Structures are given as structure tokens and as C-alpha cells.
Amino acid sequence: MKPPFPGDDPRVWEAVEGDGIPENPDGRRIMVVEDDPPIREVLVTTLRLAGFRVASAPDGPSAMGVARAFKPELVLMDLMLPGIDGWSLTRQFMAEPDLGRPPIIVLSAKVREADRDKALEAGAVEFLPKPCRAADLLRAIRENLD
């Protein structure tokens, strides 16, 4: 990732998502599908600090491969993704028998009611607007994992 401001030390911005945060080997498996690197990193870091195991995908086309390998117990899905949108990807996740229909929580800046309804019709269990508070996100995750 490139530094967002001129003069920033680029080494600070080359960290891998969740870098330096140990993953709980017994934690529940959460997958993050988010194309914006800073948002993806914040989500991954927040989830690892909360004790979850996390895998991520930066776009729709790579998400299915990551999901098949990781077998997520819950997915956080952005709607505006390169390659395939989050609504279509949610439908693909729901139709993939090997994934076991994990609950999908949509996180999106598209907050119109029609976008929310379309996400829920595609198979999402919850819709949270971006930005959202970490406490609200963790509450939604825990409610949908139990």
C-alpha cells in the first residue's frame, strides 16, 4: 500500500493486514471481502484483536477461491467490488454447497433502502452502513455466529 500523504514513511504503509497480531488458533473463522485496503486492514485487525481467525479477499473473483479454502463461518461483504458486485457474490456464496451457507453481513456505504433490501434478498442476514462502530460490528458478528 502506498502512503496516503507525501512525506509519510512508506515502510509504515507496507504492513500486511493484521501484521503482528497473533491469530487465535481456536477462534471462529471470519472472511472479509473488501476492495479498499485501509478498510480491509482495519476490519482484519479488529477481528483478530477480538479473537477471530480471518481471511480476506480484495475482489469478487478471488473471494470464492479464498472461501473454498478457508471455509468461513461468517462473511463480511462489501457491495461495490471489482469484478463482481457484492449482491451477486452473496448469491454465489448461498448457492455453493461446500460453503455451508455462512451468514453474510453486508458492510456498505450504499445505504439506500433499496440497496439494503437487495442485499437481504440476495441472502445477507444483516446490513451495516459504513462507517460503523466496532462495537456494532462485533455485536452483529456474535449474534449471527450463535
C-alpha atoms as a PDB file:
ATOM      1  CA  MET A   1       0.000   0.000   0.000  1.00  0.00           C
ATOM      2  CA  LYS A   2       1.313   3.449  -0.858  1.00  0.00           C
ATOM      3  CA  PRO A   3       1.482   6.129   1.829  1.00  0.00           C
ATOM      4  CA  PRO A   4      -1.586   8.389   1.641  1.00  0.00           C
ATOM      5  CA  PHE A   5       0.320  11.599   2.335  1.00  0.00           C
ATOM      6  CA  PRO A   6       3.552  12.903   0.788  1.00  0.00           C
ATOM      7  CA  GLY A   7       6.406  12.590   3.233  1.00  0.00           C
ATOM      8  CA  ASP A   8       4.943   9.627   5.127  1.00  0.00           C
ATOM      9  CA  ASP A   9       7.359   6.798   5.710  1.00  0.00           C
ATOM     10  CA  PRO A  10       6.342   4.144   3.130  1.00  0.00           C
ATOM     11  CA  ARG A  11       7.565   1.332   5.402  1.00  0.00           C
ATOM     12  CA  VAL A  12       4.706   2.123   7.766  1.00  0.00           C
ATOM     13  CA  TRP A  13       2.202   1.527   4.948  1.00  0.00           C
ATOM     14  CA  GLU A  14       3.656  -1.749   3.706  1.00  0.00           C
ATOM     15  CA  ALA A  15       2.328  -3.799   6.604  1.00  0.00           C
ATOM     16  CA  VAL A  16       0.277  -6.860   5.824  1.00  0.00           C
ATOM     17  CA  GLU A  17      -3.311  -6.938   7.082  1.00  0.00           C
ATOM     18  CA  GLY A  18      -3.276  -7.800  10.767  1.00  0.00           C
ATOM     19  CA  ASP A  19       0.536  -7.899  10.706  1.00  0.00           C
ATOM     20  CA  GLY A  20       1.951  -8.549  14.162  1.00  0.00           C
ATOM     21  CA  ILE A  21      -1.373  -9.558  15.681  1.00  0.00           C
ATOM     22  CA  PRO A  22      -1.336 -13.234  16.588  1.00  0.00           C
ATOM     23  CA  GLU A  23      -4.318 -15.184  15.373  1.00  0.00           C
ATOM     24  CA  ASN A  24      -6.288 -17.259  17.846  1.00  0.00           C
ATOM     25  CA  PRO A  25      -5.996 -20.840  16.514  1.00  0.00           C
ATOM     26  CA  ASP A  26      -9.297 -21.706  18.224  1.00  0.00           C
ATOM     27  CA  GLY A  27     -11.109 -18.591  17.008  1.00  0.00           C
ATOM     28  CA  ARG A  28     -14.164 -18.686  14.763  1.00  0.00           C
ATOM     29  CA  ARG A  29     -13.436 -18.195  11.045  1.00  0.00           C
ATOM     30  CA  ILE A  30     -14.490 -14.827   9.574  1.00  0.00           C
ATOM     31  CA  MET A  31     -13.924 -13.836   5.955  1.00  0.00           C
ATOM     32  CA  VAL A  32     -13.686 -10.191   4.862  1.00  0.00           C
ATOM     33  CA  VAL A  33     -14.494  -9.298   1.238  1.00  0.00           C
ATOM     34  CA  GLU A  34     -13.459  -5.659   0.847  1.00  0.00           C
ATOM     35  CA  ASP A  35     -11.625  -3.922  -2.004  1.00  0.00           C
ATOM     36  CA  ASP A  36     -10.451  -0.820  -0.102  1.00  0.00           C
ATOM     37  CA  PRO A  37      -7.079  -1.754   1.517  1.00  0.00           C
ATOM     38  CA  PRO A  38      -7.281   0.589   4.554  1.00  0.00           C
ATOM     39  CA  ILE A  39     -10.831  -0.540   5.369  1.00  0.00           C
ATOM     40  CA  ARG A  40      -9.891  -4.197   4.858  1.00  0.00           C
ATOM     41  CA  GLU A  41      -6.902  -3.790   7.174  1.00  0.00           C
ATOM     42  CA  VAL A  42      -8.985  -2.131   9.904  1.00  0.00           C
ATOM     43  CA  LEU A  43     -11.563  -4.934   9.685  1.00  0.00           C
ATOM     44  CA  VAL A  44      -8.947  -7.705   9.757  1.00  0.00           C
ATOM     45  CA  THR A  45      -7.099  -6.088  12.663  1.00  0.00           C
ATOM     46  CA  THR A  46     -10.298  -5.501  14.645  1.00  0.00           C
ATOM     47  CA  LEU A  47     -11.419  -9.089  14.138  1.00  0.00           C
ATOM     48  CA  ARG A  48      -8.054 -10.579  15.084  1.00  0.00           C
ATOM     49  CA  LEU A  49      -7.931  -8.438  18.225  1.00  0.00           C
ATOM     50  CA  ALA A  50     -11.407  -9.772  19.059  1.00  0.00           C
ATOM     51  CA  GLY A  51     -10.080 -13.349  18.854  1.00  0.00           C
ATOM     52  CA  PHE A  52     -11.245 -14.427  15.391  1.00  0.00           C
ATOM     53  CA  ARG A  53      -9.328 -16.179  12.636  1.00  0.00           C
ATOM     54  CA  VAL A  54      -9.570 -14.056   9.500  1.00  0.00           C
ATOM     55  CA  ALA A  55      -9.098 -14.468   5.762  1.00  0.00           C
ATOM     56  CA  SER A  56      -9.718 -11.707   3.258  1.00  0.00           C
ATOM     57  CA  ALA A  57     -10.290 -11.163  -0.445  1.00  0.00           C
ATOM     58  CA  PRO A  58      -9.886  -7.841  -2.269  1.00  0.00           C
ATOM     59  CA  ASP A  59     -12.382  -8.557  -5.049  1.00  0.00           C
ATOM     60  CA  GLY A  60     -15.261 -10.726  -6.152  1.00  0.00           C
ATOM     61  CA  PRO A  61     -13.367 -13.123  -8.439  1.00  0.00           C
ATOM     62  CA  SER A  62     -10.823 -14.138  -5.769  1.00  0.00           C
ATOM     63  CA  ALA A  63     -13.403 -14.384  -2.977  1.00  0.00           C
ATOM     64  CA  MET A  64     -14.828 -17.779  -3.941  1.00  0.00           C
ATOM     65  CA  GLY A  65     -11.380 -19.403  -4.019  1.00  0.00           C
ATOM     66  CA  VAL A  66     -10.487 -17.948  -0.626  1.00  0.00           C
ATOM     67  CA  ALA A  67     -13.840 -19.084   0.773  1.00  0.00           C
ATOM     68  CA  ARG A  68     -13.461 -22.644  -0.532  1.00  0.00           C
ATOM     69  CA  ALA A  69     -10.035 -22.922   1.106  1.00  0.00           C
ATOM     70  CA  PHE A  70     -10.895 -21.118   4.370  1.00  0.00           C
ATOM     71  CA  LYS A  71     -14.488 -22.367   4.940  1.00  0.00           C
ATOM     72  CA  PRO A  72     -15.679 -19.206   6.737  1.00  0.00           C
ATOM     73  CA  GLU A  73     -18.267 -19.429   9.484  1.00  0.00           C
ATOM     74  CA  LEU A  74     -19.348 -15.850   8.683  1.00  0.00           C
ATOM     75  CA  VAL A  75     -18.603 -13.393   5.869  1.00  0.00           C
ATOM     76  CA  LEU A  76     -18.346  -9.598   5.914  1.00  0.00           C
ATOM     77  CA  MET A  77     -19.222  -8.427   2.392  1.00  0.00           C
ATOM     78  CA  ASP A  78     -18.800  -5.076   0.677  1.00  0.00           C
ATOM     79  CA  LEU A  79     -21.244  -4.374  -2.153  1.00  0.00           C
ATOM     80  CA  MET A  80     -19.083  -2.360  -4.533  1.00  0.00           C
ATOM     81  CA  LEU A  81     -16.334  -4.769  -5.589  1.00  0.00           C
ATOM     82  CA  PRO A  82     -14.220  -5.059  -8.716  1.00  0.00           C
ATOM     83  CA  GLY A  83     -15.078  -7.982 -10.965  1.00  0.00           C
ATOM     84  CA  ILE A  84     -18.413  -8.891  -9.426  1.00  0.00           C
ATOM     85  CA  ASP A  85     -20.645  -6.912  -7.102  1.00  0.00           C
ATOM     86  CA  GLY A  86     -21.417  -7.971  -3.542  1.00  0.00           C
ATOM     87  CA  TRP A  87     -25.070  -8.752  -4.295  1.00  0.00           C
ATOM     88  CA  SER A  88     -24.099 -11.307  -6.962  1.00  0.00           C
ATOM     89  CA  LEU A  89     -21.289 -12.678  -4.834  1.00  0.00           C
ATOM     90  CA  THR A  90     -23.677 -13.130  -1.906  1.00  0.00           C
ATOM     91  CA  ARG A  91     -25.955 -15.190  -4.170  1.00  0.00           C
ATOM     92  CA  GLN A  92     -22.954 -17.281  -5.270  1.00  0.00           C
ATOM     93  CA  PHE A  93     -21.957 -17.927  -1.646  1.00  0.00           C
ATOM     94  CA  MET A  94     -25.515 -19.039  -0.847  1.00  0.00           C
ATOM     95  CA  ALA A  95     -25.574 -21.381  -3.868  1.00  0.00           C
ATOM     96  CA  GLU A  96     -22.194 -23.013  -3.130  1.00  0.00           C
ATOM     97  CA  PRO A  97     -22.946 -26.245  -1.219  1.00  0.00           C
ATOM     98  CA  ASP A  98     -19.357 -26.700   0.001  1.00  0.00           C
ATOM     99  CA  LEU A  99     -19.512 -23.396   1.916  1.00  0.00           C
ATOM    100  CA  GLY A 100     -22.454 -24.428   4.089  1.00  0.00           C
ATOM    101  CA  ARG A 101     -24.322 -21.096   3.621  1.00  0.00           C
ATOM    102  CA  PRO A 102     -22.357 -18.965   6.111  1.00  0.00           C
ATOM    103  CA  PRO A 103     -24.178 -15.892   7.437  1.00  0.00           C
ATOM    104  CA  ILE A 104     -23.242 -12.844   5.384  1.00  0.00           C
ATOM    105  CA  ILE A 105     -23.186  -9.380   6.917  1.00  0.00           C
ATOM    106  CA  VAL A 106     -23.058  -6.621   4.325  1.00  0.00           C
ATOM    107  CA  LEU A 107     -20.940  -3.565   5.145  1.00  0.00           C
ATOM    108  CA  SER A 108     -21.506  -0.814   2.626  1.00  0.00           C
ATOM    109  CA  ALA A 109     -21.509   2.907   2.050  1.00  0.00           C
ATOM    110  CA  LYS A 110     -24.512   2.300  -0.231  1.00  0.00           C
ATOM    111  CA  VAL A 111     -27.135   2.971   2.395  1.00  0.00           C
ATOM    112  CA  ARG A 112     -30.284   3.461   0.354  1.00  0.00           C
ATOM    113  CA  GLU A 113     -33.138   1.233   1.474  1.00  0.00           C
ATOM    114  CA  ALA A 114     -33.262  -0.375  -1.983  1.00  0.00           C
ATOM    115  CA  ASP A 115     -29.583  -1.417  -1.652  1.00  0.00           C
ATOM    116  CA  ARG A 116     -30.244  -2.862   1.797  1.00  0.00           C
ATOM    117  CA  ASP A 117     -33.315  -4.749   0.588  1.00  0.00           C
ATOM    118  CA  LYS A 118     -31.439  -6.121  -2.427  1.00  0.00           C
ATOM    119  CA  ALA A 119     -28.633  -7.384  -0.137  1.00  0.00           C
ATOM    120  CA  LEU A 120     -31.095  -9.116   2.190  1.00  0.00           C
ATOM    121  CA  GLU A 121     -32.943 -10.654  -0.776  1.00  0.00           C
ATOM    122  CA  ALA A 122     -29.603 -11.980  -2.081  1.00  0.00           C
ATOM    123  CA  GLY A 123     -29.108 -13.848   1.199  1.00  0.00           C
ATOM    124  CA  ALA A 124     -27.402 -11.458   3.611  1.00  0.00           C
ATOM    125  CA  VAL A 125     -28.550 -11.736   7.217  1.00  0.00           C
ATOM    126  CA  GLU A 126     -27.691  -8.177   8.202  1.00  0.00           C
ATOM    127  CA  PHE A 127     -26.744  -4.838   6.658  1.00  0.00           C
ATOM    128  CA  LEU A 128     -24.451  -2.346   8.396  1.00  0.00           C
ATOM    129  CA  PRO A 129     -23.661   1.060   6.902  1.00  0.00           C
ATOM    130  CA  LYS A 130     -20.041   2.174   6.533  1.00  0.00           C
ATOM    131  CA  PRO A 131     -18.556   3.518   8.590  1.00  0.00           C
ATOM    132  CA  CYS A 132     -19.829   1.532  11.532  1.00  0.00           C
ATOM    133  CA  ARG A 133     -18.624   1.341  15.089  1.00  0.00           C
ATOM    134  CA  ALA A 134     -16.502  -1.670  16.011  1.00  0.00           C
ATOM    135  CA  ALA A 135     -18.897  -2.468  18.870  1.00  0.00           C
ATOM    136  CA  ASP A 136     -21.841  -2.632  16.428  1.00  0.00           C
ATOM    137  CA  LEU A 137     -19.884  -4.844  14.050  1.00  0.00           C
ATOM    138  CA  LEU A 138     -18.773  -7.245  16.779  1.00  0.00           C
ATOM    139  CA  ARG A 139     -22.318  -7.405  18.177  1.00  0.00           C
ATOM    140  CA  ALA A 140     -23.686  -8.314  14.736  1.00  0.00           C
ATOM    141  CA  ILE A 141     -20.988 -10.953  14.238  1.00  0.00           C
ATOM    142  CA  ARG A 142     -21.559 -12.585  17.618  1.00  0.00           C
ATOM    143  CA  GLU A 143     -25.347 -12.589  17.172  1.00  0.00           C
ATOM    144  CA  ASN A 144     -25.023 -14.266  13.792  1.00  0.00           C
ATOM    145  CA  LEU A 145     -22.447 -16.851  14.877  1.00  0.00           C
ATOM    146  CA  ASP A 146     -24.593 -18.162  17.729  1.00  0.00           C
END
